[in-house]
Every structure is written in C-alpha cells, then in structure tokens.
N, C-alpha and C. Protein backbone atom coordinates (compact mmCIF):
# COMPACT_ATOMS: atom_id res chain seq x y z
N MET A 1 90.23 93.73 69.76
CA MET A 1 90.68 93.22 71.06
C MET A 1 91.06 94.40 71.94
N PRO A 2 90.81 94.26 73.23
CA PRO A 2 91.19 95.33 74.16
C PRO A 2 92.71 95.42 74.32
N THR A 3 93.16 96.54 74.82
CA THR A 3 94.58 96.71 75.10
C THR A 3 94.78 97.11 76.55
N VAL A 4 95.99 96.84 77.03
CA VAL A 4 96.40 97.19 78.38
C VAL A 4 97.70 97.95 78.25
N GLU A 5 97.81 99.08 78.94
CA GLU A 5 99.07 99.82 78.97
C GLU A 5 99.68 99.66 80.35
N PHE A 6 100.97 99.33 80.37
CA PHE A 6 101.66 99.12 81.63
C PHE A 6 103.15 99.35 81.42
N MET A 7 103.75 100.16 82.26
CA MET A 7 105.19 100.45 82.23
C MET A 7 105.65 100.85 80.83
N GLY A 8 104.87 101.69 80.17
CA GLY A 8 105.25 102.20 78.86
C GLY A 8 105.04 101.25 77.70
N LYS A 9 104.44 100.11 77.95
CA LYS A 9 104.18 99.14 76.88
C LYS A 9 102.67 98.97 76.73
N THR A 10 102.27 98.65 75.50
CA THR A 10 100.87 98.38 75.22
C THR A 10 100.74 96.92 74.81
N PHE A 11 99.83 96.23 75.46
CA PHE A 11 99.60 94.81 75.19
C PHE A 11 98.17 94.62 74.70
N THR A 12 98.02 93.82 73.67
CA THR A 12 96.70 93.43 73.20
C THR A 12 96.32 92.16 73.96
N VAL A 13 95.11 92.15 74.51
CA VAL A 13 94.66 91.02 75.32
C VAL A 13 93.30 90.52 74.86
N ASP A 14 92.98 89.29 75.26
CA ASP A 14 91.65 88.76 74.95
C ASP A 14 90.66 89.20 76.03
N GLU A 15 89.44 88.71 75.95
CA GLU A 15 88.40 89.12 76.89
C GLU A 15 88.68 88.69 78.33
N ASP A 16 89.58 87.72 78.52
CA ASP A 16 89.94 87.26 79.86
C ASP A 16 91.26 87.86 80.34
N GLY A 17 91.85 88.75 79.55
CA GLY A 17 93.08 89.41 79.95
C GLY A 17 94.35 88.67 79.62
N PHE A 18 94.27 87.62 78.79
CA PHE A 18 95.47 86.89 78.37
C PHE A 18 96.10 87.62 77.19
N ILE A 19 97.42 87.69 77.16
CA ILE A 19 98.14 88.37 76.09
C ILE A 19 97.82 87.71 74.74
N ASP A 20 97.81 88.49 73.68
CA ASP A 20 97.36 88.00 72.38
C ASP A 20 98.30 86.99 71.74
N ALA A 21 99.59 87.06 72.03
CA ALA A 21 100.55 86.14 71.41
C ALA A 21 101.73 85.91 72.35
N TYR A 22 102.12 84.66 72.45
CA TYR A 22 103.25 84.28 73.31
C TYR A 22 104.50 85.09 72.97
N GLU A 23 104.68 85.39 71.69
CA GLU A 23 105.86 86.13 71.24
C GLU A 23 105.90 87.55 71.81
N ASN A 24 104.78 88.05 72.32
CA ASN A 24 104.73 89.40 72.88
C ASN A 24 105.03 89.43 74.38
N TRP A 25 105.33 88.26 74.95
CA TRP A 25 105.63 88.17 76.37
C TRP A 25 106.93 88.90 76.69
N CYS A 26 106.97 89.57 77.84
CA CYS A 26 108.18 90.26 78.32
C CYS A 26 108.05 90.45 79.83
N GLN A 27 109.09 90.94 80.45
CA GLN A 27 109.08 91.12 81.90
C GLN A 27 108.04 92.16 82.34
N GLU A 28 107.78 93.15 81.51
CA GLU A 28 106.74 94.13 81.85
C GLU A 28 105.38 93.45 81.95
N TRP A 29 105.15 92.45 81.08
CA TRP A 29 103.90 91.69 81.15
C TRP A 29 103.81 90.94 82.48
N VAL A 30 104.91 90.33 82.89
CA VAL A 30 104.94 89.60 84.16
C VAL A 30 104.56 90.55 85.30
N GLN A 31 105.13 91.74 85.30
CA GLN A 31 104.84 92.71 86.36
C GLN A 31 103.37 93.14 86.34
N HIS A 32 102.82 93.30 85.14
CA HIS A 32 101.41 93.66 85.01
C HIS A 32 100.52 92.57 85.62
N VAL A 33 100.76 91.32 85.23
CA VAL A 33 99.93 90.22 85.72
C VAL A 33 100.12 90.04 87.22
N LYS A 34 101.34 90.19 87.69
CA LYS A 34 101.63 90.09 89.13
C LYS A 34 100.74 91.06 89.89
N LYS A 35 100.69 92.28 89.44
CA LYS A 35 99.87 93.30 90.09
C LYS A 35 98.39 92.94 89.98
N GLU A 36 97.97 92.53 88.80
CA GLU A 36 96.57 92.18 88.56
C GLU A 36 96.13 90.99 89.41
N GLU A 37 97.02 90.04 89.62
CA GLU A 37 96.69 88.84 90.39
C GLU A 37 96.85 89.04 91.90
N GLY A 38 97.37 90.19 92.31
CA GLY A 38 97.52 90.46 93.73
C GLY A 38 98.69 89.73 94.37
N ILE A 39 99.69 89.40 93.57
CA ILE A 39 100.89 88.74 94.09
C ILE A 39 101.86 89.84 94.51
N GLU A 40 102.20 89.86 95.80
CA GLU A 40 103.03 90.94 96.31
C GLU A 40 104.47 90.87 95.83
N GLU A 41 105.05 89.68 95.89
CA GLU A 41 106.46 89.54 95.52
C GLU A 41 106.65 88.28 94.69
N LEU A 42 107.35 88.43 93.58
CA LEU A 42 107.68 87.26 92.76
C LEU A 42 108.90 86.58 93.36
N THR A 43 108.78 85.31 93.62
CA THR A 43 109.87 84.55 94.20
C THR A 43 110.53 83.68 93.13
N GLU A 44 111.59 83.01 93.51
CA GLU A 44 112.24 82.06 92.60
C GLU A 44 111.27 80.94 92.23
N GLU A 45 110.37 80.61 93.15
CA GLU A 45 109.39 79.56 92.88
C GLU A 45 108.41 80.00 91.80
N HIS A 46 107.96 81.25 91.84
CA HIS A 46 107.10 81.77 90.78
C HIS A 46 107.83 81.68 89.44
N THR A 47 109.08 82.11 89.45
CA THR A 47 109.87 82.12 88.23
C THR A 47 110.05 80.70 87.68
N LYS A 48 110.27 79.74 88.58
CA LYS A 48 110.43 78.35 88.14
C LYS A 48 109.16 77.85 87.47
N VAL A 49 108.00 78.13 88.05
CA VAL A 49 106.73 77.71 87.46
C VAL A 49 106.55 78.34 86.09
N ILE A 50 106.85 79.62 85.98
CA ILE A 50 106.72 80.32 84.69
C ILE A 50 107.65 79.69 83.65
N GLN A 51 108.89 79.43 84.03
CA GLN A 51 109.84 78.83 83.09
C GLN A 51 109.40 77.44 82.64
N VAL A 52 108.92 76.64 83.57
CA VAL A 52 108.45 75.29 83.22
C VAL A 52 107.26 75.38 82.27
N LEU A 53 106.33 76.28 82.55
CA LEU A 53 105.19 76.46 81.67
C LEU A 53 105.63 76.85 80.26
N GLN A 54 106.54 77.81 80.18
CA GLN A 54 107.01 78.27 78.88
C GLN A 54 107.75 77.17 78.12
N GLU A 55 108.62 76.45 78.80
CA GLU A 55 109.37 75.37 78.14
C GLU A 55 108.43 74.28 77.64
N TYR A 56 107.45 73.93 78.45
CA TYR A 56 106.48 72.90 78.05
C TYR A 56 105.67 73.39 76.85
N TYR A 57 105.24 74.64 76.91
CA TYR A 57 104.46 75.22 75.81
C TYR A 57 105.27 75.26 74.52
N GLU A 58 106.52 75.68 74.60
CA GLU A 58 107.37 75.75 73.41
C GLU A 58 107.58 74.36 72.79
N LYS A 59 107.63 73.34 73.62
CA LYS A 59 107.85 71.98 73.13
C LYS A 59 106.57 71.32 72.63
N ASN A 60 105.43 71.58 73.31
CA ASN A 60 104.20 70.85 73.05
C ASN A 60 103.05 71.68 72.47
N GLY A 61 103.19 73.00 72.51
CA GLY A 61 102.14 73.86 71.96
C GLY A 61 100.91 74.02 72.83
N ILE A 62 100.95 73.46 74.05
CA ILE A 62 99.87 73.61 75.01
C ILE A 62 100.47 73.74 76.40
N ALA A 63 99.65 74.17 77.36
CA ALA A 63 100.09 74.21 78.75
C ALA A 63 99.95 72.82 79.36
N PRO A 64 100.83 72.48 80.29
CA PRO A 64 100.71 71.16 80.93
C PRO A 64 99.56 71.13 81.93
N MET A 65 99.07 69.94 82.20
CA MET A 65 98.09 69.79 83.28
C MET A 65 98.81 70.12 84.59
N VAL A 66 98.06 70.56 85.57
CA VAL A 66 98.66 71.00 86.82
C VAL A 66 99.44 69.87 87.51
N ARG A 67 99.02 68.64 87.35
CA ARG A 67 99.75 67.52 87.95
C ARG A 67 101.12 67.35 87.29
N VAL A 68 101.20 67.58 86.00
CA VAL A 68 102.48 67.54 85.29
C VAL A 68 103.35 68.69 85.77
N LEU A 69 102.75 69.85 85.92
CA LEU A 69 103.47 71.02 86.42
C LEU A 69 104.04 70.74 87.80
N SER A 70 103.26 70.10 88.65
CA SER A 70 103.71 69.75 89.99
C SER A 70 104.89 68.77 89.93
N LYS A 71 104.77 67.78 89.08
CA LYS A 71 105.83 66.77 88.97
C LYS A 71 107.14 67.39 88.46
N VAL A 72 107.06 68.23 87.44
CA VAL A 72 108.26 68.81 86.84
C VAL A 72 108.92 69.81 87.78
N THR A 73 108.12 70.63 88.47
CA THR A 73 108.70 71.62 89.38
C THR A 73 109.13 71.03 90.71
N GLY A 74 108.49 69.90 91.08
CA GLY A 74 108.77 69.32 92.39
C GLY A 74 107.95 69.97 93.50
N PHE A 75 107.04 70.88 93.12
CA PHE A 75 106.18 71.56 94.10
C PHE A 75 104.89 70.77 94.27
N LYS A 76 104.41 70.68 95.50
CA LYS A 76 103.13 70.05 95.76
C LYS A 76 102.02 70.89 95.11
N LEU A 77 100.94 70.21 94.73
CA LEU A 77 99.82 70.92 94.11
C LEU A 77 99.35 72.08 94.97
N LYS A 78 99.22 71.84 96.25
CA LYS A 78 98.75 72.88 97.17
C LYS A 78 99.66 74.11 97.11
N HIS A 79 100.96 73.88 97.01
CA HIS A 79 101.90 75.00 96.98
C HIS A 79 101.76 75.81 95.68
N ILE A 80 101.53 75.13 94.57
CA ILE A 80 101.34 75.84 93.30
C ILE A 80 100.10 76.73 93.39
N TYR A 81 99.05 76.22 94.01
CA TYR A 81 97.85 77.03 94.19
C TYR A 81 98.08 78.18 95.16
N GLU A 82 98.97 78.02 96.12
CA GLU A 82 99.32 79.12 97.02
C GLU A 82 100.12 80.19 96.28
N LEU A 83 101.01 79.75 95.39
CA LEU A 83 101.80 80.71 94.61
C LEU A 83 100.93 81.54 93.68
N PHE A 84 99.92 80.90 93.09
CA PHE A 84 99.04 81.55 92.12
C PHE A 84 97.60 81.39 92.62
N PRO A 85 97.17 82.29 93.52
CA PRO A 85 95.87 82.16 94.18
C PRO A 85 94.66 82.10 93.24
N SER A 86 94.77 82.67 92.06
CA SER A 86 93.63 82.62 91.15
C SER A 86 93.63 81.35 90.32
N VAL A 87 94.33 80.36 90.75
CA VAL A 87 94.56 79.04 90.16
C VAL A 87 95.58 79.14 89.02
N PRO A 88 96.42 78.12 88.88
CA PRO A 88 97.50 78.15 87.90
C PRO A 88 97.04 78.42 86.47
N GLY A 89 95.88 77.88 86.09
CA GLY A 89 95.39 78.09 84.73
C GLY A 89 95.18 79.54 84.41
N LYS A 90 94.78 80.29 85.40
CA LYS A 90 94.55 81.71 85.16
C LYS A 90 95.82 82.50 85.41
N GLY A 91 96.32 82.45 86.63
CA GLY A 91 97.45 83.29 87.00
C GLY A 91 98.77 82.91 86.39
N ALA A 92 99.16 81.66 86.54
CA ALA A 92 100.48 81.24 86.07
C ALA A 92 100.57 81.25 84.55
N CYS A 93 99.57 80.70 83.89
CA CYS A 93 99.61 80.67 82.42
C CYS A 93 99.54 82.08 81.86
N LYS A 94 98.72 82.91 82.47
CA LYS A 94 98.63 84.30 82.01
C LYS A 94 99.97 84.99 82.19
N MET A 95 100.59 84.79 83.35
CA MET A 95 101.88 85.42 83.63
C MET A 95 102.97 84.92 82.69
N ALA A 96 102.89 83.65 82.30
CA ALA A 96 103.89 83.05 81.41
C ALA A 96 103.67 83.44 79.95
N GLY A 97 102.56 84.13 79.66
CA GLY A 97 102.30 84.57 78.30
C GLY A 97 101.64 83.52 77.43
N LEU A 98 101.15 82.44 78.06
CA LEU A 98 100.50 81.36 77.32
C LEU A 98 99.05 81.72 77.02
N PRO A 99 98.49 81.10 75.99
CA PRO A 99 97.06 81.30 75.74
C PRO A 99 96.24 80.72 76.89
N LYS A 100 95.02 81.17 77.01
CA LYS A 100 94.13 80.65 78.04
C LYS A 100 93.99 79.14 77.85
N PRO A 101 94.29 78.36 78.90
CA PRO A 101 94.20 76.90 78.78
C PRO A 101 92.76 76.45 78.55
N THR A 102 92.60 75.40 77.77
CA THR A 102 91.27 74.87 77.54
C THR A 102 90.94 73.75 78.52
N GLY A 103 91.96 73.14 79.12
CA GLY A 103 91.75 72.04 80.05
C GLY A 103 92.11 72.46 81.46
N CYS A 104 92.41 71.50 82.27
CA CYS A 104 92.75 71.74 83.67
C CYS A 104 94.24 72.05 83.82
N VAL A 105 94.52 73.26 84.20
CA VAL A 105 95.89 73.63 84.57
C VAL A 105 95.82 74.33 85.89
C-alpha cells in the first residue's frame, strides 16, 4: 500500500487515498485531507459532520447514507455538499478516517 507523509507522520493509504485503518486517524490526518480536498478553513460545521460520521461508524461499522447524515447534523444536503466539495463519500469520510464507502454517502 502507498504511504503519505504529512506533518511528521506517515500514513498508509489505499489506492483512493483513504487511511488504512480507522484506529490510525488523528488531527494530522484531518489537516492532510483538508489540504488535499482544497478546503481552506475547517469550521465547526466540518467538525460536526466528522464527529457524526465517526460516531455512526463506531456504532454501526459503516458510514451513514448522506440523507441520514443530513438528518443527524441538521444540515441540508446541499450544505453538506458545499462543506465537502468532492462529495461527502470522498471528502468527509476520508477526513473522518472511515473506509471508502461502498454505497451512497
């Protein structure tokens, strides 16, 4: 598997750039993905989406569908897509340290 070095840390990633294991997630990873996704500033809204994704994943072992994410965060679907321009399945799940989703997120 390829590796990525960022802020003094080395991360093993898959072919799509997702971290190899949720347990390896850290704030340095968030900063790496933020830069990679072209997000200029992380807001409280970004953090809320990441936390909801992680909590859902820890409880269910998968990422929630984007409609569930919208309902739990209280953010409109359009706003979630604005927060994560490369679509939530790619940007938000990657930033949260989740595996690449197989369904619609």
